[in-house]
Amino acid sequence: MNVITNNPKVKEKIGKKSSIHFVKGEYRDVLDEVKRQIIEEHICLLSHPLSGSIKPNETYYMTIFTSETTSQYIDIESLEYIESAIEVYEKFIKNKQRPNWSLAVLQDFSFVDFYIAQSTLDRMGVSIE
């Protein structure tokens, strides 16, 4: 399993157990990287790109789990999910821009994203301890 994230806490805690692709950027940059990997490297999504029900304009961090192995074909279902997530992102950002959050708020968002990622791994039966 691969982890694509822009969350330093996920990189630190989960990166010891999984392959991490750390994105230096925002939420949208993670979505774009996942889409690129689906198209170019033929990976598949293992987690939904909008898991956690947090609106894209209400957080900074995003963590997505993908397959480690690739196939020779693009996984159309994964591509449709990521394109839909990008559309949702665009809709929410268009309606309400994100504020310039303080470091304390960003740390809270980092914790929430980490908790969602950890819960996802628990449901998959993967331990990070």
N, C-alpha and C. Protein backbone atom coordinates (compact mmCIF):
# COMPACT_ATOMS: atom_id res chain seq x y z
N MET A 1 0.84 -1.17 0.00
CA MET A 1 0.00 0.00 0.00
C MET A 1 0.89 1.24 0.00
N ASN A 2 0.46 2.25 -0.75
CA ASN A 2 1.12 3.55 -0.77
C ASN A 2 0.24 4.58 -0.07
N VAL A 3 0.89 5.58 0.48
CA VAL A 3 0.18 6.68 1.12
C VAL A 3 0.61 7.96 0.41
N ILE A 4 -0.38 8.71 -0.06
CA ILE A 4 -0.10 10.00 -0.68
C ILE A 4 -0.71 11.05 0.24
N THR A 5 0.14 11.95 0.75
CA THR A 5 -0.32 12.90 1.76
C THR A 5 0.50 14.18 1.71
N ASN A 6 -0.08 15.22 2.27
CA ASN A 6 0.66 16.45 2.51
C ASN A 6 0.75 16.72 4.03
N ASN A 7 0.39 15.72 4.80
CA ASN A 7 0.32 15.86 6.25
C ASN A 7 1.62 15.35 6.90
N PRO A 8 2.40 16.25 7.51
CA PRO A 8 3.65 15.83 8.13
C PRO A 8 3.46 14.80 9.25
N LYS A 9 2.35 14.88 9.97
CA LYS A 9 2.08 13.91 11.05
C LYS A 9 1.87 12.51 10.46
N VAL A 10 1.18 12.41 9.35
CA VAL A 10 0.98 11.12 8.70
C VAL A 10 2.33 10.60 8.19
N LYS A 11 3.11 11.48 7.60
CA LYS A 11 4.44 11.09 7.12
C LYS A 11 5.28 10.53 8.26
N GLU A 12 5.25 11.21 9.39
CA GLU A 12 6.05 10.80 10.54
C GLU A 12 5.57 9.48 11.13
N LYS A 13 4.27 9.33 11.34
CA LYS A 13 3.72 8.18 12.06
C LYS A 13 3.47 6.97 11.17
N ILE A 14 2.94 7.18 9.99
CA ILE A 14 2.57 6.06 9.11
C ILE A 14 3.69 5.73 8.14
N GLY A 15 4.55 6.69 7.87
CA GLY A 15 5.65 6.49 6.93
C GLY A 15 6.63 5.41 7.35
N LYS A 16 6.61 5.05 8.61
CA LYS A 16 7.49 3.98 9.09
C LYS A 16 6.99 2.61 8.65
N LYS A 17 5.70 2.51 8.34
CA LYS A 17 5.09 1.23 8.01
C LYS A 17 4.68 1.09 6.55
N SER A 18 4.58 2.20 5.83
CA SER A 18 4.10 2.19 4.45
C SER A 18 4.96 3.08 3.59
N SER A 19 4.84 2.87 2.31
CA SER A 19 5.51 3.73 1.34
C SER A 19 4.75 5.06 1.29
N ILE A 20 5.48 6.16 1.54
CA ILE A 20 4.86 7.49 1.58
C ILE A 20 5.32 8.29 0.38
N HIS A 21 4.35 8.91 -0.28
CA HIS A 21 4.67 9.93 -1.27
C HIS A 21 4.21 11.24 -0.64
N PHE A 22 5.17 12.04 -0.17
CA PHE A 22 4.83 13.28 0.52
C PHE A 22 4.73 14.41 -0.50
N VAL A 23 3.58 15.07 -0.49
CA VAL A 23 3.31 16.17 -1.41
C VAL A 23 3.56 17.47 -0.67
N LYS A 24 4.47 18.27 -1.18
CA LYS A 24 4.70 19.60 -0.60
C LYS A 24 3.71 20.54 -1.26
N GLY A 25 2.58 20.70 -0.61
CA GLY A 25 1.54 21.54 -1.17
C GLY A 25 0.27 21.41 -0.36
N GLU A 26 -0.81 21.84 -0.96
CA GLU A 26 -2.11 21.88 -0.30
C GLU A 26 -2.95 20.66 -0.67
N TYR A 27 -4.15 20.66 -0.16
CA TYR A 27 -5.16 19.61 -0.38
C TYR A 27 -5.29 19.29 -1.88
N ARG A 28 -5.47 20.32 -2.69
CA ARG A 28 -5.65 20.11 -4.14
C ARG A 28 -4.43 19.45 -4.76
N ASP A 29 -3.25 19.79 -4.29
CA ASP A 29 -2.03 19.20 -4.82
C ASP A 29 -1.99 17.69 -4.59
N VAL A 30 -2.53 17.24 -3.46
CA VAL A 30 -2.61 15.80 -3.19
C VAL A 30 -3.55 15.14 -4.19
N LEU A 31 -4.71 15.75 -4.41
CA LEU A 31 -5.66 15.20 -5.39
C LEU A 31 -5.02 15.11 -6.77
N ASP A 32 -4.32 16.17 -7.17
CA ASP A 32 -3.67 16.18 -8.48
C ASP A 32 -2.60 15.09 -8.59
N GLU A 33 -1.85 14.87 -7.52
CA GLU A 33 -0.81 13.83 -7.54
C GLU A 33 -1.43 12.45 -7.63
N VAL A 34 -2.52 12.23 -6.91
CA VAL A 34 -3.19 10.93 -7.00
C VAL A 34 -3.70 10.71 -8.42
N LYS A 35 -4.31 11.73 -9.01
CA LYS A 35 -4.81 11.59 -10.39
C LYS A 35 -3.66 11.28 -11.35
N ARG A 36 -2.53 11.98 -11.17
CA ARG A 36 -1.37 11.73 -12.03
C ARG A 36 -0.91 10.27 -11.91
N GLN A 37 -0.85 9.78 -10.68
CA GLN A 37 -0.40 8.40 -10.48
C GLN A 37 -1.40 7.39 -11.03
N ILE A 38 -2.69 7.69 -10.93
CA ILE A 38 -3.70 6.79 -11.50
C ILE A 38 -3.49 6.69 -13.01
N ILE A 39 -3.26 7.83 -13.65
CA ILE A 39 -3.12 7.86 -15.11
C ILE A 39 -1.77 7.32 -15.56
N GLU A 40 -0.70 7.79 -14.94
CA GLU A 40 0.64 7.45 -15.42
C GLU A 40 1.18 6.14 -14.86
N GLU A 41 0.84 5.82 -13.61
CA GLU A 41 1.43 4.65 -12.97
C GLU A 41 0.41 3.52 -12.79
N HIS A 42 -0.85 3.79 -13.14
CA HIS A 42 -1.94 2.81 -13.10
C HIS A 42 -2.18 2.24 -11.70
N ILE A 43 -2.04 3.08 -10.69
CA ILE A 43 -2.37 2.66 -9.33
C ILE A 43 -3.88 2.71 -9.15
N CYS A 44 -4.36 2.12 -8.07
CA CYS A 44 -5.80 2.12 -7.75
C CYS A 44 -6.00 2.73 -6.37
N LEU A 45 -7.12 3.39 -6.20
CA LEU A 45 -7.47 3.93 -4.88
C LEU A 45 -7.83 2.80 -3.93
N LEU A 46 -7.36 2.90 -2.70
CA LEU A 46 -7.76 1.99 -1.63
C LEU A 46 -8.65 2.71 -0.62
N SER A 47 -8.61 4.04 -0.63
CA SER A 47 -9.48 4.83 0.24
C SER A 47 -10.15 5.90 -0.62
N HIS A 48 -11.33 6.31 -0.20
CA HIS A 48 -12.06 7.32 -0.95
C HIS A 48 -11.39 8.68 -0.75
N PRO A 49 -11.23 9.44 -1.82
CA PRO A 49 -10.54 10.73 -1.69
C PRO A 49 -11.30 11.77 -0.87
N LEU A 50 -12.57 11.53 -0.58
CA LEU A 50 -13.33 12.47 0.25
C LEU A 50 -13.76 11.84 1.56
N SER A 51 -12.99 10.87 2.04
CA SER A 51 -13.35 10.21 3.30
C SER A 51 -13.28 11.21 4.45
N GLY A 52 -14.09 10.97 5.45
CA GLY A 52 -14.10 11.82 6.61
C GLY A 52 -15.14 12.92 6.57
N SER A 53 -15.76 13.12 5.46
CA SER A 53 -16.84 14.11 5.31
C SER A 53 -16.42 15.52 5.72
N ILE A 54 -15.14 15.83 5.57
CA ILE A 54 -14.68 17.19 5.84
C ILE A 54 -14.65 17.93 4.51
N LYS A 55 -15.29 19.07 4.47
CA LYS A 55 -15.34 19.84 3.24
C LYS A 55 -13.93 20.29 2.85
N PRO A 56 -13.62 20.24 1.56
CA PRO A 56 -12.27 20.60 1.11
C PRO A 56 -11.83 22.02 1.47
N ASN A 57 -12.76 22.93 1.63
CA ASN A 57 -12.36 24.29 1.99
C ASN A 57 -12.29 24.48 3.51
N GLU A 58 -12.48 23.40 4.24
CA GLU A 58 -12.45 23.48 5.71
C GLU A 58 -11.29 22.69 6.31
N THR A 59 -10.32 22.37 5.49
CA THR A 59 -9.12 21.70 5.98
C THR A 59 -7.97 21.97 5.02
N TYR A 60 -6.80 21.65 5.44
CA TYR A 60 -5.60 21.86 4.62
C TYR A 60 -4.98 20.53 4.21
N TYR A 61 -5.13 19.52 5.06
CA TYR A 61 -4.43 18.25 4.84
C TYR A 61 -5.32 17.18 4.23
N MET A 62 -4.68 16.30 3.47
CA MET A 62 -5.39 15.20 2.80
C MET A 62 -4.44 14.00 2.74
N THR A 63 -4.98 12.85 3.09
CA THR A 63 -4.23 11.60 2.99
C THR A 63 -5.08 10.60 2.22
N ILE A 64 -4.47 9.98 1.21
CA ILE A 64 -5.17 8.99 0.39
C ILE A 64 -4.30 7.74 0.30
N PHE A 65 -4.94 6.58 0.45
CA PHE A 65 -4.25 5.30 0.34
C PHE A 65 -4.49 4.73 -1.05
N THR A 66 -3.41 4.23 -1.65
CA THR A 66 -3.49 3.67 -3.00
C THR A 66 -2.78 2.32 -3.03
N SER A 67 -3.01 1.60 -4.12
CA SER A 67 -2.34 0.32 -4.29
C SER A 67 -0.86 0.54 -4.53
N GLU A 68 -0.08 -0.42 -4.14
CA GLU A 68 1.36 -0.36 -4.37
C GLU A 68 1.71 -0.89 -5.75
N THR A 69 0.99 -1.90 -6.15
CA THR A 69 1.26 -2.50 -7.46
C THR A 69 0.46 -1.78 -8.53
N THR A 70 0.96 -1.86 -9.71
CA THR A 70 0.29 -1.23 -10.83
C THR A 70 -0.15 -2.29 -11.82
N SER A 71 -1.12 -1.94 -12.63
CA SER A 71 -1.54 -2.83 -13.70
C SER A 71 -1.15 -2.18 -15.01
N GLN A 72 -1.46 -2.82 -16.09
CA GLN A 72 -1.12 -2.20 -17.37
C GLN A 72 -2.22 -1.28 -17.86
N TYR A 73 -3.31 -1.20 -17.11
CA TYR A 73 -4.44 -0.38 -17.52
C TYR A 73 -4.78 0.64 -16.44
N ILE A 74 -5.38 1.74 -16.87
CA ILE A 74 -5.89 2.74 -15.94
C ILE A 74 -7.15 2.19 -15.29
N ASP A 75 -7.21 2.30 -13.96
CA ASP A 75 -8.41 1.89 -13.24
C ASP A 75 -9.45 3.01 -13.37
N ILE A 76 -10.43 2.78 -14.21
CA ILE A 76 -11.43 3.81 -14.53
C ILE A 76 -12.21 4.24 -13.29
N GLU A 77 -12.54 3.29 -12.43
CA GLU A 77 -13.29 3.63 -11.22
C GLU A 77 -12.48 4.58 -10.33
N SER A 78 -11.20 4.31 -10.15
CA SER A 78 -10.34 5.19 -9.36
C SER A 78 -10.24 6.57 -10.00
N LEU A 79 -10.11 6.60 -11.32
CA LEU A 79 -10.03 7.86 -12.03
C LEU A 79 -11.32 8.67 -11.87
N GLU A 80 -12.45 8.01 -11.95
CA GLU A 80 -13.73 8.70 -11.77
C GLU A 80 -13.87 9.26 -10.36
N TYR A 81 -13.45 8.48 -9.36
CA TYR A 81 -13.52 8.95 -7.97
C TYR A 81 -12.64 10.18 -7.76
N ILE A 82 -11.42 10.16 -8.28
CA ILE A 82 -10.51 11.29 -8.04
C ILE A 82 -10.98 12.51 -8.83
N GLU A 83 -11.48 12.31 -10.03
CA GLU A 83 -12.00 13.45 -10.79
C GLU A 83 -13.23 14.05 -10.11
N SER A 84 -14.07 13.22 -9.54
CA SER A 84 -15.22 13.70 -8.79
C SER A 84 -14.77 14.48 -7.56
N ALA A 85 -13.74 14.00 -6.88
CA ALA A 85 -13.22 14.69 -5.70
C ALA A 85 -12.65 16.06 -6.09
N ILE A 86 -12.00 16.13 -7.23
CA ILE A 86 -11.47 17.41 -7.71
C ILE A 86 -12.61 18.38 -8.03
N GLU A 87 -13.67 17.88 -8.63
CA GLU A 87 -14.84 18.72 -8.91
C GLU A 87 -15.46 19.25 -7.62
N VAL A 88 -15.58 18.39 -6.62
CA VAL A 88 -16.12 18.81 -5.32
C VAL A 88 -15.21 19.88 -4.71
N TYR A 89 -13.92 19.64 -4.76
CA TYR A 89 -12.96 20.62 -4.25
C TYR A 89 -13.17 21.98 -4.93
N GLU A 90 -13.22 21.97 -6.25
CA GLU A 90 -13.40 23.21 -7.00
C GLU A 90 -14.69 23.92 -6.62
N LYS A 91 -15.76 23.16 -6.45
CA LYS A 91 -17.04 23.75 -6.08
C LYS A 91 -16.97 24.44 -4.72
N PHE A 92 -16.38 23.76 -3.74
CA PHE A 92 -16.31 24.33 -2.40
C PHE A 92 -15.36 25.52 -2.33
N ILE A 93 -14.23 25.45 -3.01
CA ILE A 93 -13.27 26.55 -3.00
C ILE A 93 -13.86 27.77 -3.71
N LYS A 94 -14.60 27.52 -4.76
CA LYS A 94 -15.23 28.63 -5.49
C LYS A 94 -16.24 29.35 -4.61
N ASN A 95 -16.98 28.61 -3.81
CA ASN A 95 -18.02 29.20 -2.96
C ASN A 95 -17.47 29.86 -1.70
N LYS A 96 -16.36 29.34 -1.18
CA LYS A 96 -15.81 29.89 0.06
C LYS A 96 -14.32 29.59 0.14
N GLN A 97 -13.51 30.59 -0.08
CA GLN A 97 -12.06 30.44 0.00
C GLN A 97 -11.64 30.09 1.42
N ARG A 98 -10.54 29.37 1.51
CA ARG A 98 -10.00 29.05 2.82
C ARG A 98 -9.34 30.28 3.43
N PRO A 99 -9.47 30.47 4.74
CA PRO A 99 -8.77 31.58 5.39
C PRO A 99 -7.28 31.27 5.54
N ASN A 100 -6.54 32.24 5.96
CA ASN A 100 -5.12 32.04 6.26
C ASN A 100 -5.04 31.55 7.70
N TRP A 101 -5.00 30.23 7.87
CA TRP A 101 -5.08 29.63 9.20
C TRP A 101 -3.80 29.80 9.99
N SER A 102 -3.97 29.86 11.31
CA SER A 102 -2.82 29.94 12.21
C SER A 102 -2.16 28.56 12.31
N LEU A 103 -0.96 28.54 12.86
CA LEU A 103 -0.23 27.29 13.05
C LEU A 103 -1.01 26.34 13.95
N ALA A 104 -1.65 26.87 14.98
CA ALA A 104 -2.43 26.03 15.90
C ALA A 104 -3.59 25.35 15.17
N VAL A 105 -4.26 26.08 14.31
CA VAL A 105 -5.37 25.50 13.55
C VAL A 105 -4.85 24.44 12.58
N LEU A 106 -3.73 24.72 11.91
CA LEU A 106 -3.14 23.74 10.99
C LEU A 106 -2.74 22.46 11.74
N GLN A 107 -2.25 22.60 12.96
CA GLN A 107 -1.90 21.42 13.76
C GLN A 107 -3.15 20.61 14.10
N ASP A 108 -4.25 21.30 14.38
CA ASP A 108 -5.52 20.60 14.62
C ASP A 108 -5.96 19.84 13.37
N PHE A 109 -5.87 20.48 12.21
CA PHE A 109 -6.24 19.81 10.96
C PHE A 109 -5.33 18.61 10.70
N SER A 110 -4.07 18.75 11.03
CA SER A 110 -3.12 17.65 10.86
C SER A 110 -3.53 16.46 11.72
N PHE A 111 -3.92 16.73 12.96
CA PHE A 111 -4.37 15.67 13.85
C PHE A 111 -5.63 14.99 13.32
N VAL A 112 -6.60 15.78 12.87
CA VAL A 112 -7.86 15.21 12.36
C VAL A 112 -7.58 14.32 11.15
N ASP A 113 -6.76 14.79 10.21
CA ASP A 113 -6.44 13.98 9.03
C ASP A 113 -5.70 12.71 9.45
N PHE A 114 -4.77 12.82 10.39
CA PHE A 114 -4.06 11.64 10.89
C PHE A 114 -5.03 10.65 11.51
N TYR A 115 -5.96 11.14 12.31
CA TYR A 115 -6.94 10.26 12.95
C TYR A 115 -7.78 9.53 11.90
N ILE A 116 -8.22 10.23 10.87
CA ILE A 116 -8.99 9.60 9.79
C ILE A 116 -8.13 8.55 9.09
N ALA A 117 -6.88 8.88 8.82
CA ALA A 117 -5.97 7.92 8.17
C ALA A 117 -5.76 6.69 9.05
N GLN A 118 -5.57 6.90 10.33
CA GLN A 118 -5.37 5.79 11.26
C GLN A 118 -6.63 4.92 11.33
N SER A 119 -7.79 5.54 11.36
CA SER A 119 -9.06 4.79 11.37
C SER A 119 -9.23 3.97 10.09
N THR A 120 -8.83 4.55 8.98
CA THR A 120 -8.90 3.83 7.70
C THR A 120 -8.00 2.60 7.74
N LEU A 121 -6.80 2.77 8.25
CA LEU A 121 -5.88 1.63 8.36
C LEU A 121 -6.44 0.57 9.31
N ASP A 122 -7.05 1.00 10.40
CA ASP A 122 -7.65 0.04 11.33
C ASP A 122 -8.71 -0.80 10.63
N ARG A 123 -9.56 -0.13 9.81
CA ARG A 123 -10.61 -0.85 9.08
C ARG A 123 -10.02 -1.81 8.05
N MET A 124 -8.82 -1.49 7.55
CA MET A 124 -8.13 -2.36 6.59
C MET A 124 -7.37 -3.47 7.30
N GLY A 125 -7.29 -3.38 8.62
CA GLY A 125 -6.56 -4.38 9.38
C GLY A 125 -5.06 -4.16 9.39
N VAL A 126 -4.63 -2.92 9.19
CA VAL A 126 -3.21 -2.57 9.17
C VAL A 126 -2.89 -1.81 10.44
N SER A 127 -1.88 -2.27 11.16
CA SER A 127 -1.47 -1.62 12.40
C SER A 127 -0.26 -0.73 12.12
N ILE A 128 -0.24 0.46 12.73
CA ILE A 128 0.92 1.33 12.57
C ILE A 128 1.79 1.35 13.83
N GLU A 129 1.40 0.61 14.82
CA GLU A 129 2.18 0.55 16.07
C GLU A 129 3.36 -0.38 15.92
